[in-house]
N, C-alpha and C. Protein backbone atom coordinates (compact mmCIF):
# COMPACT_ATOMS: atom_id res chain seq x y z
N UNK A 1 -44.19 62.20 218.99
CA UNK A 1 -44.53 62.86 219.89
C UNK A 1 -43.51 63.03 220.82
N UNK A 2 -42.99 64.02 221.10
CA UNK A 2 -41.93 64.37 222.48
C UNK A 2 -42.71 65.32 223.76
N UNK A 3 -42.84 64.44 224.42
CA UNK A 3 -43.32 64.93 225.58
C UNK A 3 -42.07 65.19 226.14
N UNK A 4 -42.82 67.00 226.96
CA UNK A 4 -42.06 67.54 227.62
C UNK A 4 -41.93 67.21 229.04
N UNK A 5 -41.20 67.08 229.62
CA UNK A 5 -41.44 67.42 231.21
C UNK A 5 -39.94 68.10 231.84
N UNK A 6 -39.93 68.56 232.54
CA UNK A 6 -38.89 69.27 233.22
C UNK A 6 -38.03 68.22 233.78
N UNK A 7 -36.39 68.56 233.35
CA UNK A 7 -35.43 67.30 233.48
C UNK A 7 -35.18 67.71 234.80
N UNK A 8 -34.76 69.12 235.48
CA UNK A 8 -34.23 68.73 237.22
C UNK A 8 -35.68 70.13 237.57
N UNK A 9 -37.04 69.21 237.81
CA UNK A 9 -38.38 69.85 238.53
C UNK A 9 -37.83 71.16 239.58
N UNK A 10 -37.11 70.72 240.40
CA UNK A 10 -36.71 72.01 241.37
C UNK A 10 -35.94 73.50 240.80
N UNK A 11 -35.65 73.43 239.55
CA UNK A 11 -34.38 74.29 238.71
C UNK A 11 -35.70 74.56 237.55
N UNK A 12 -37.08 74.63 238.04
CA UNK A 12 -38.06 75.43 236.65
C UNK A 12 -38.28 76.60 236.93
N UNK A 13 -38.11 77.23 236.16
CA UNK A 13 -37.75 78.81 235.88
C UNK A 13 -38.91 79.51 236.30
N UNK A 14 -38.78 80.37 236.78
CA UNK A 14 -40.02 81.28 237.50
C UNK A 14 -40.08 83.20 236.76
N UNK A 15 -41.21 83.26 236.58
CA UNK A 15 -40.82 84.83 236.16
C UNK A 15 -41.07 85.74 237.78
N UNK A 16 -38.98 86.20 237.70
CA UNK A 16 -39.13 87.41 238.76
C UNK A 16 -40.08 88.40 238.43
N UNK A 17 -40.01 89.05 239.14
CA UNK A 17 -40.07 90.52 239.67
C UNK A 17 -39.84 91.21 238.66
N UNK A 18 -38.36 92.08 238.16
CA UNK A 18 -37.88 92.46 236.95
C UNK A 18 -37.79 91.70 236.23
N UNK A 19 -38.77 91.14 234.75
CA UNK A 19 -38.57 89.94 234.20
C UNK A 19 -38.44 90.79 232.76
N UNK A 20 -37.68 90.54 231.90
CA UNK A 20 -37.66 90.76 230.46
C UNK A 20 -37.92 89.70 229.54
N UNK A 21 -38.64 89.75 228.46
CA UNK A 21 -38.41 89.09 227.37
C UNK A 21 -37.64 88.66 226.44
N UNK A 22 -37.94 87.47 225.66
CA UNK A 22 -36.84 87.26 224.60
C UNK A 22 -37.75 86.97 223.53
N UNK A 23 -38.02 87.70 222.47
CA UNK A 23 -39.48 86.95 221.48
C UNK A 23 -39.11 85.59 220.62
N UNK A 24 -39.77 85.09 220.94
CA UNK A 24 -39.58 83.92 219.48
C UNK A 24 -39.77 84.22 218.37
N UNK A 25 -39.94 85.32 218.46
CA UNK A 25 -39.88 85.90 216.33
C UNK A 25 -38.00 86.36 216.32
N UNK A 26 -37.31 86.37 217.01
CA UNK A 26 -35.73 86.52 216.98
C UNK A 26 -35.54 85.50 215.82
N UNK A 27 -36.22 84.31 216.46
CA UNK A 27 -35.69 82.66 216.07
C UNK A 27 -36.44 82.74 214.90
N UNK A 28 -38.20 82.56 214.84
CA UNK A 28 -39.14 81.92 213.44
C UNK A 28 -38.88 82.91 212.50
N UNK A 29 -38.80 84.03 212.66
CA UNK A 29 -38.87 84.93 211.76
C UNK A 29 -36.99 85.27 211.45
N UNK A 30 -36.12 84.63 212.10
CA UNK A 30 -34.56 84.77 211.17
C UNK A 30 -34.15 85.85 211.54
N UNK A 31 -34.65 86.79 212.74
CA UNK A 31 -33.50 87.86 212.40
C UNK A 31 -32.47 87.24 213.12
N UNK A 32 -32.03 86.41 213.65
CA UNK A 32 -30.54 85.97 215.15
C UNK A 32 -29.39 85.45 213.11
N UNK A 33 -30.81 84.70 213.02
CA UNK A 33 -29.14 83.88 211.47
C UNK A 33 -29.06 84.88 210.70
N UNK A 34 -29.46 86.00 210.59
CA UNK A 34 -29.06 87.49 209.77
C UNK A 34 -28.39 87.93 210.34
N UNK A 35 -27.98 87.53 211.74
CA UNK A 35 -26.97 88.89 212.73
C UNK A 35 -25.71 88.39 212.58
N UNK A 36 -24.38 89.25 213.19
CA UNK A 36 -23.15 88.38 213.56
C UNK A 36 -23.65 88.23 214.87
N UNK A 37 -22.41 87.42 215.39
CA UNK A 37 -22.43 87.33 216.79
C UNK A 37 -22.42 88.33 217.59
N UNK A 38 -21.52 89.35 217.51
CA UNK A 38 -21.72 90.70 218.22
C UNK A 38 -22.68 91.47 218.39
N UNK A 39 -23.54 91.19 216.85
CA UNK A 39 -25.14 91.98 217.08
C UNK A 39 -25.66 91.30 217.79
N UNK A 40 -25.74 89.98 217.79
CA UNK A 40 -26.58 88.91 218.77
C UNK A 40 -26.39 89.54 220.03
N UNK A 41 -25.10 89.17 220.64
CA UNK A 41 -24.50 89.70 222.37
C UNK A 41 -25.11 91.03 222.51
N UNK A 42 -24.99 91.67 221.96
CA UNK A 42 -25.35 93.44 221.67
C UNK A 42 -26.84 93.01 221.82
N UNK A 43 -27.36 92.89 220.96
CA UNK A 43 -29.26 92.96 221.47
C UNK A 43 -29.82 91.78 222.84
N UNK A 44 -28.76 90.24 222.85
CA UNK A 44 -29.50 90.22 223.83
C UNK A 44 -29.43 90.78 225.12
N UNK A 45 -27.97 91.56 225.42
CA UNK A 45 -28.23 92.57 226.06
C UNK A 45 -28.82 93.28 226.67
N UNK A 46 -28.86 93.70 225.57
CA UNK A 46 -29.61 95.53 225.71
C UNK A 46 -31.08 95.08 225.86
N UNK A 47 -32.48 94.13 225.61
CA UNK A 47 -33.19 93.13 226.09
C UNK A 47 -33.45 92.56 227.40
N UNK A 48 -32.12 92.56 227.67
CA UNK A 48 -32.55 91.62 229.22
C UNK A 48 -31.95 92.64 230.26
N UNK A 49 -31.63 94.14 229.97
CA UNK A 49 -31.41 95.01 231.02
C UNK A 49 -32.17 96.42 230.65
N UNK A 50 -33.00 96.39 229.33
CA UNK A 50 -34.35 97.32 228.79
C UNK A 50 -34.93 97.25 229.86
N UNK A 51 -35.78 98.20 230.09
CA UNK A 51 -37.42 98.51 230.22
C UNK A 51 -38.01 98.24 229.82
N UNK A 52 -39.93 97.87 230.29
CA UNK A 52 -40.66 97.61 230.01
C UNK A 52 -40.65 98.31 227.67
N UNK A 53 -40.29 98.99 227.86
CA UNK A 53 -40.43 100.24 226.59
C UNK A 53 -39.33 100.07 225.72
N UNK A 54 -38.28 99.09 226.19
CA UNK A 54 -36.89 98.30 225.61
C UNK A 54 -35.59 99.67 225.68
N UNK A 55 -36.07 100.28 226.72
CA UNK A 55 -34.87 101.99 226.89
C UNK A 55 -33.75 101.10 227.91
N UNK A 56 -32.52 102.19 227.57
CA UNK A 56 -31.30 101.37 228.22
C UNK A 56 -30.54 102.28 228.36
N UNK A 57 -29.77 102.60 229.18
CA UNK A 57 -28.71 103.65 228.66
C UNK A 57 -27.28 103.27 229.17
N UNK A 58 -26.91 102.21 228.63
CA UNK A 58 -25.27 101.99 229.04
C UNK A 58 -24.82 102.57 227.90
N UNK A 59 -23.20 102.92 228.68
CA UNK A 59 -22.32 103.50 227.85
C UNK A 59 -21.55 102.65 227.10
N UNK A 60 -20.42 103.65 226.06
CA UNK A 60 -20.06 102.31 224.90
C UNK A 60 -19.02 101.39 225.66
N UNK A 61 -18.44 102.04 226.86
CA UNK A 61 -17.57 101.77 227.30
C UNK A 61 -17.75 100.50 228.76
N UNK A 62 -18.78 100.77 228.87
CA UNK A 62 -19.73 99.57 230.13
C UNK A 62 -20.27 98.32 229.06
N UNK A 63 -20.65 98.95 228.20
CA UNK A 63 -21.10 97.60 227.13
C UNK A 63 -20.24 96.84 226.65
N UNK A 64 -19.18 97.75 226.03
CA UNK A 64 -17.66 96.97 225.74
C UNK A 64 -17.48 95.66 226.56
N UNK A 65 -17.42 96.38 227.54
CA UNK A 65 -16.61 95.89 229.02
C UNK A 65 -17.28 94.45 229.40
N UNK A 66 -18.67 95.19 229.24
CA UNK A 66 -19.75 93.43 229.80
C UNK A 66 -19.69 92.83 229.35
N UNK A 67 -19.55 92.78 227.61
CA UNK A 67 -19.54 92.08 226.40
C UNK A 67 -17.97 91.43 225.87
N UNK A 68 -17.56 92.11 226.67
CA UNK A 68 -15.73 91.46 226.36
C UNK A 68 -15.76 91.55 225.02
N UNK A 69 -16.24 92.93 224.36
CA UNK A 69 -16.47 93.47 223.07
C UNK A 69 -15.32 95.01 222.45
N UNK A 70 -14.36 95.04 221.84
CA UNK A 70 -13.55 95.85 220.81
C UNK A 70 -14.82 96.50 221.04
N UNK A 71 -14.43 98.59 221.03
CA UNK A 71 -15.56 99.62 221.01
C UNK A 71 -15.93 99.60 219.35
N UNK A 72 -14.90 99.22 218.71
CA UNK A 72 -15.13 99.16 217.47
C UNK A 72 -16.10 98.17 217.03
N UNK A 73 -15.63 96.87 216.94
CA UNK A 73 -16.98 95.60 217.08
C UNK A 73 -18.39 96.13 217.50
N UNK A 74 -17.70 96.55 218.95
CA UNK A 74 -19.94 97.38 219.05
C UNK A 74 -20.38 98.48 218.45
N UNK A 75 -19.50 99.00 217.90
CA UNK A 75 -19.81 100.28 217.00
C UNK A 75 -20.15 99.73 215.82
N UNK A 76 -19.86 98.45 215.31
CA UNK A 76 -20.44 98.03 214.22
C UNK A 76 -21.76 97.11 214.34
N UNK A 77 -21.82 97.11 215.71
CA UNK A 77 -22.93 95.39 215.85
C UNK A 77 -24.05 96.41 216.47
N UNK A 78 -23.59 97.38 216.56
CA UNK A 78 -24.84 98.59 217.22
C UNK A 78 -25.26 99.28 216.07
N UNK A 79 -24.64 99.21 214.65
CA UNK A 79 -24.81 99.80 213.27
C UNK A 79 -25.51 98.88 212.56
N UNK A 80 -25.42 97.23 212.82
CA UNK A 80 -25.80 96.53 212.31
C UNK A 80 -27.52 96.02 212.57
N UNK A 81 -27.54 96.19 213.75
CA UNK A 81 -28.58 95.95 214.95
C UNK A 81 -29.76 97.15 214.03
N UNK A 82 -29.38 98.12 214.06
CA UNK A 82 -30.12 99.59 213.36
C UNK A 82 -30.56 99.23 212.34
N UNK A 83 -29.67 99.19 211.53
CA UNK A 83 -29.89 98.54 209.63
C UNK A 83 -30.72 97.26 209.52
N UNK A 84 -30.78 96.41 210.29
CA UNK A 84 -32.01 95.36 210.43
C UNK A 84 -32.92 95.15 211.46
N UNK A 85 -33.59 97.18 211.66
CA UNK A 85 -34.38 97.41 212.06
C UNK A 85 -34.68 97.21 213.50
N UNK A 86 -34.11 96.33 214.41
CA UNK A 86 -34.25 95.91 215.51
C UNK A 86 -33.62 96.75 216.92
N UNK A 87 -32.97 98.15 216.69
CA UNK A 87 -32.48 98.74 217.41
C UNK A 87 -32.73 100.31 216.75
N UNK A 88 -32.89 100.46 217.95
CA UNK A 88 -32.90 102.17 217.90
C UNK A 88 -31.70 103.13 218.68
N UNK A 89 -31.02 104.47 218.32
CA UNK A 89 -30.08 104.70 219.17
C UNK A 89 -30.41 106.19 219.02
N UNK A 90 -29.88 107.14 220.34
CA UNK A 90 -29.33 108.08 220.08
C UNK A 90 -28.51 108.16 221.72
N UNK A 91 -27.25 108.49 221.09
CA UNK A 91 -26.70 108.73 222.67
C UNK A 91 -27.01 109.59 223.86
N UNK A 92 -27.53 109.10 224.89
CA UNK A 92 -26.90 107.34 225.63
C UNK A 92 -27.93 106.66 225.65
N UNK A 93 -28.99 106.67 224.80
CA UNK A 93 -30.30 105.82 225.12
C UNK A 93 -30.46 105.12 224.00
N UNK A 94 -30.64 103.46 224.20
CA UNK A 94 -31.00 102.46 222.85
C UNK A 94 -32.24 102.13 223.62
N UNK A 95 -33.35 101.47 222.59
CA UNK A 95 -34.07 101.00 222.36
C UNK A 95 -34.47 100.07 221.53
N UNK A 96 -34.82 99.26 222.01
CA UNK A 96 -34.68 97.45 221.62
C UNK A 96 -36.59 97.66 220.91
N UNK A 97 -36.47 97.67 219.68
CA UNK A 97 -37.94 98.03 218.77
C UNK A 97 -38.65 96.61 218.73
N UNK A 98 -39.70 96.33 218.75
CA UNK A 98 -40.97 95.88 218.76
C UNK A 98 -39.78 95.16 217.51
N UNK A 99 -40.49 93.80 217.14
CA UNK A 99 -40.47 92.70 216.16
C UNK A 99 -41.73 92.57 215.48
N UNK A 100 -42.08 93.59 214.33
CA UNK A 100 -42.95 93.91 214.10
C UNK A 100 -43.02 93.27 212.53
N UNK A 101 -43.45 92.09 212.09
CA UNK A 101 -43.67 91.61 210.91
C UNK A 101 -42.21 91.78 209.98
N UNK A 102 -41.74 91.22 208.68
CA UNK A 102 -40.39 92.27 208.35
C UNK A 102 -41.12 93.52 207.55
N UNK A 103 -40.67 94.91 207.39
CA UNK A 103 -41.14 95.88 207.05
C UNK A 103 -40.67 96.14 205.35
N UNK A 104 -41.88 96.32 204.91
CA UNK A 104 -41.31 96.87 203.42
C UNK A 104 -40.93 98.25 203.49
N UNK A 105 -40.14 98.33 202.56
CA UNK A 105 -39.54 99.87 202.68
C UNK A 105 -39.88 100.64 201.13
N UNK A 106 -40.07 101.50 201.43
CA UNK A 106 -40.19 102.52 200.32
C UNK A 106 -38.78 102.60 199.75
N UNK A 107 -38.36 103.70 198.51
CA UNK A 107 -37.11 103.50 197.72
C UNK A 107 -36.54 104.66 198.93
N UNK A 108 -36.40 105.51 199.71
CA UNK A 108 -35.94 106.05 200.62
C UNK A 108 -35.64 105.41 201.70
N UNK A 109 -36.06 104.02 201.87
CA UNK A 109 -35.24 103.26 202.88
C UNK A 109 -36.25 103.32 204.37
N UNK A 110 -36.90 104.54 203.87
CA UNK A 110 -38.47 104.54 205.08
C UNK A 110 -39.15 103.47 205.42
N UNK A 111 -39.90 102.93 206.28
CA UNK A 111 -40.85 102.08 206.93
C UNK A 111 -42.22 102.34 205.77
N UNK A 112 -42.78 101.41 205.46
CA UNK A 112 -44.06 102.12 204.74
C UNK A 112 -45.38 102.00 205.18
N UNK A 113 -46.37 102.23 205.33
CA UNK A 113 -47.36 102.41 206.20
C UNK A 113 -47.95 101.47 205.49
N UNK A 114 -49.17 100.51 206.00
CA UNK A 114 -49.89 99.56 206.06
C UNK A 114 -50.53 100.29 204.37
N UNK A 115 -51.37 101.80 204.73
CA UNK A 115 -52.11 102.21 203.62
C UNK A 115 -50.78 101.68 202.00
N UNK A 116 -49.35 102.69 202.31
CA UNK A 116 -48.57 102.51 201.34
C UNK A 116 -48.28 101.43 201.18
N UNK A 117 -48.34 100.41 201.33
CA UNK A 117 -48.40 98.70 200.95
C UNK A 117 -49.51 98.31 200.11
N UNK A 118 -50.55 98.79 200.61
CA UNK A 118 -51.62 98.41 199.79
C UNK A 118 -51.99 99.10 198.79
N UNK A 119 -51.82 100.21 198.20
CA UNK A 119 -51.52 101.13 197.09
C UNK A 119 -50.56 100.63 196.10
N UNK A 120 -49.37 100.40 196.79
CA UNK A 120 -48.62 99.92 196.14
C UNK A 120 -49.10 98.50 194.94
N UNK A 121 -49.35 97.57 196.73
CA UNK A 121 -50.06 96.14 195.93
C UNK A 121 -51.05 96.19 194.36
N UNK A 122 -51.77 97.52 194.55
CA UNK A 122 -52.79 97.60 193.95
C UNK A 122 -52.60 97.99 192.47
N UNK A 123 -50.90 98.88 192.77
CA UNK A 123 -50.66 99.48 191.30
C UNK A 123 -49.95 100.79 191.55
N UNK A 124 -50.55 101.45 192.62
CA UNK A 124 -50.44 102.78 192.59
C UNK A 124 -48.82 103.54 192.85
N UNK A 125 -48.11 102.61 193.66
CA UNK A 125 -46.91 103.16 193.23
C UNK A 125 -46.36 103.59 194.90
N UNK A 126 -45.42 104.60 194.96
CA UNK A 126 -45.04 104.39 196.12
C UNK A 126 -44.51 105.55 196.41
């Protein structure tokens, strides 16, 4: 077993007053593995700058400049994150979404409620 001990004890991270977090489920549930580099960079930036509800409102121009990304690639990354149910966006607001377990979806693409999932599992359809 590996014993974990800080390499530089004088540089151990401390929780700052303005703290945001990165959910371990991004790796454990393989969300990052499914994302392009551009989408991962955008998501990381947005969770770093978001408030406690995951909200932020950077313009496309500012995001593209800060991430050194062309606007077209930024738009693709945003669409990818929305499609992967990691991000919601309504200009100018971004919301990094909670990482709930991979949701089942009905034929329309909408997330299914727990009741819908249980009914479908019992053979009731959607």
